[in-house]
Amino acid sequence: MAKQTLILLALNPSPILDLMERTLYAANFDVAIALDRAGLEKSVQEAIPALMIIGEKFAESDGLTISSEMLERFPTLPIILYAEKDTSGLAKSVLKAGLSNYLYPPLKMADIVDEVQKSLARARTLGDWLRREVKRTTSSLEEKAKISEAERVKLEAIIANIQNGVIVMDENHTILFVNHAIRDIFNLNEEAVAGRQLKDVITNADLHALLSRSGEESVKYHEINFDDGRMFNAQYTPIPKIGAAITLQDISYFKELDRMKSDFIHTVSHDLRSPLTAILGYTELVERTGPLNQNQQEFLRRLQESIRHITSLINDLLDLGRLEAGFDIRREYVQLEGVLKYILNMFAAQIKKKKLNLTTDIAENMPALRVNPIGIRQMLDNLIGNAIKYTPEGGSIRVYISTQDKQTVLKVEDTGLGILPEEQNHVFEKFYRASNVPDHVEGSGLGLAIVKSIVDRHQGRVWVESTAGGGSTFTVLLPS
């Protein structure tokens, strides 16, 4: 390798510094040594090294932090970190900081030379790729500059006439463009809207709520409702260096189908509950008509358990139907910790039977919430009931209540079965049960759907963080 290839060593005085210097000289590299930050700055500016090796601790500073600062100024400079030992998470930290790789004892001369050569080769490959991309991009820009005015008008005509509504705006939510569908949706007629603030042109409260949710992130699902029954799914997508785009898709038809399905389930459930109650009553009367043998008693017990399970499922369906129909509109000021204490007292026997370790962490001076008390009790009942159901004997359950940014935060954490990552987005759907739930664990798949419906009706949010076999944490945010 040519002598002019310079390697900069930013290491504290030590035997490893001497080893790397001798090794690199022997491999026909030029070597520069920096023992402090001033020497490092001077070497990088004047010597322009082809690669740098820096210690995890250098001149009483953090090597990773120094490397990150260097890469901001010299993004193509390959950097190798030297660490005293290979610790957990070191590789992740090195890759996250953008370094080429890292070295740690025991080191052989061949290891040092091999890693330096590989890092230099990757840097050369990256440089070649960048040069090709610059050339290709320049050529592409030249081609795009040749697009005729007629083609630009054609593109605008396509966007203007698609069925979904499209709003394009700058970073300050000033309208740049709206298509015909948006004008029809919000009855804008032909008035000029470009250059005006979106909130001044469109007064829909749901659209304003979407803007407040967006921040700098995309929002894939947000409902826009109208008094005439129309419903739209809105998506907010940031556009770099321009602003953002909002697209609206009419989902009124799908919402109507969902309402009809819910009405059907509610009606069938309501009609089934009365005969099931009668059947359960008659099974209890059978034992009073005369003695039963052991098999008959066991069959009767199983029959009663099945009826109770079906009745519980029907009650869940009716509860969910009432929630979705908007019947639970009563609001009262409620102390969440008081409802939690009531629920935990209800489950005390089950917790004791399974020998679960229950802990609570409730912040002081929690504000009262203006909520539907029955709904909040159902929410806690389902979350804590699930934690007890899916946590094995001797496991732990933790409940946290606190405030954050004018919101009440509730967390229910368990050491139970956990949920597979690919299934976590579905656990709040109706009738969905995780694939790792044992067959003997009963459940309707409606508990978390009820929780989400209650939280949504209180303008809150709920989500789960979980690992299969590592337990789950359900978090609920409610406006204070």
Foldseek 3Di string as FASTA:
>chain_A
DEALQEEEEQEADDVVVVLLVVLCVVVNYHYHYDQAPVSVVVCCVPVVHQEYEHECQGRNDGPLVVLLVVCVVVVLHAYEYEYQDDDPCPQVSCVVSPHPYYDYPPDDSVNSVVSVVVSSVVSVVVVVVVVVVVVVVVVVVVVVVPDDPVVVVVVVVVLQPDQKWKWFAFAQQATQDTHPNVCVVQVVPPDDRHRHHPCVSHVQPQVVVVVVPPVPHKDQFGWGADPVQWIWTWIWAADPPGHIMIIIDTCSVVVVVVLVVLVVLLVVLVVPLVVLVVVLVVLVCVCVVDHDDPVVVVVSVVVNVVSVLSNVLSVLSNLLSCLVVPVLPQWDFADLVVLLVVLCVVCVVLCVVLVEAEEEAEDPPDGTDTARVVLSSLLSNLLVVVQSLFAGRHWYWYWYWDDDPQKIKIKIWTQGQWADPVCQVPLLPFQDDGPPDDPVRDDRSRSSVSNQSRLVVQVKDWGKDTHGSGIIMIMIIGRD
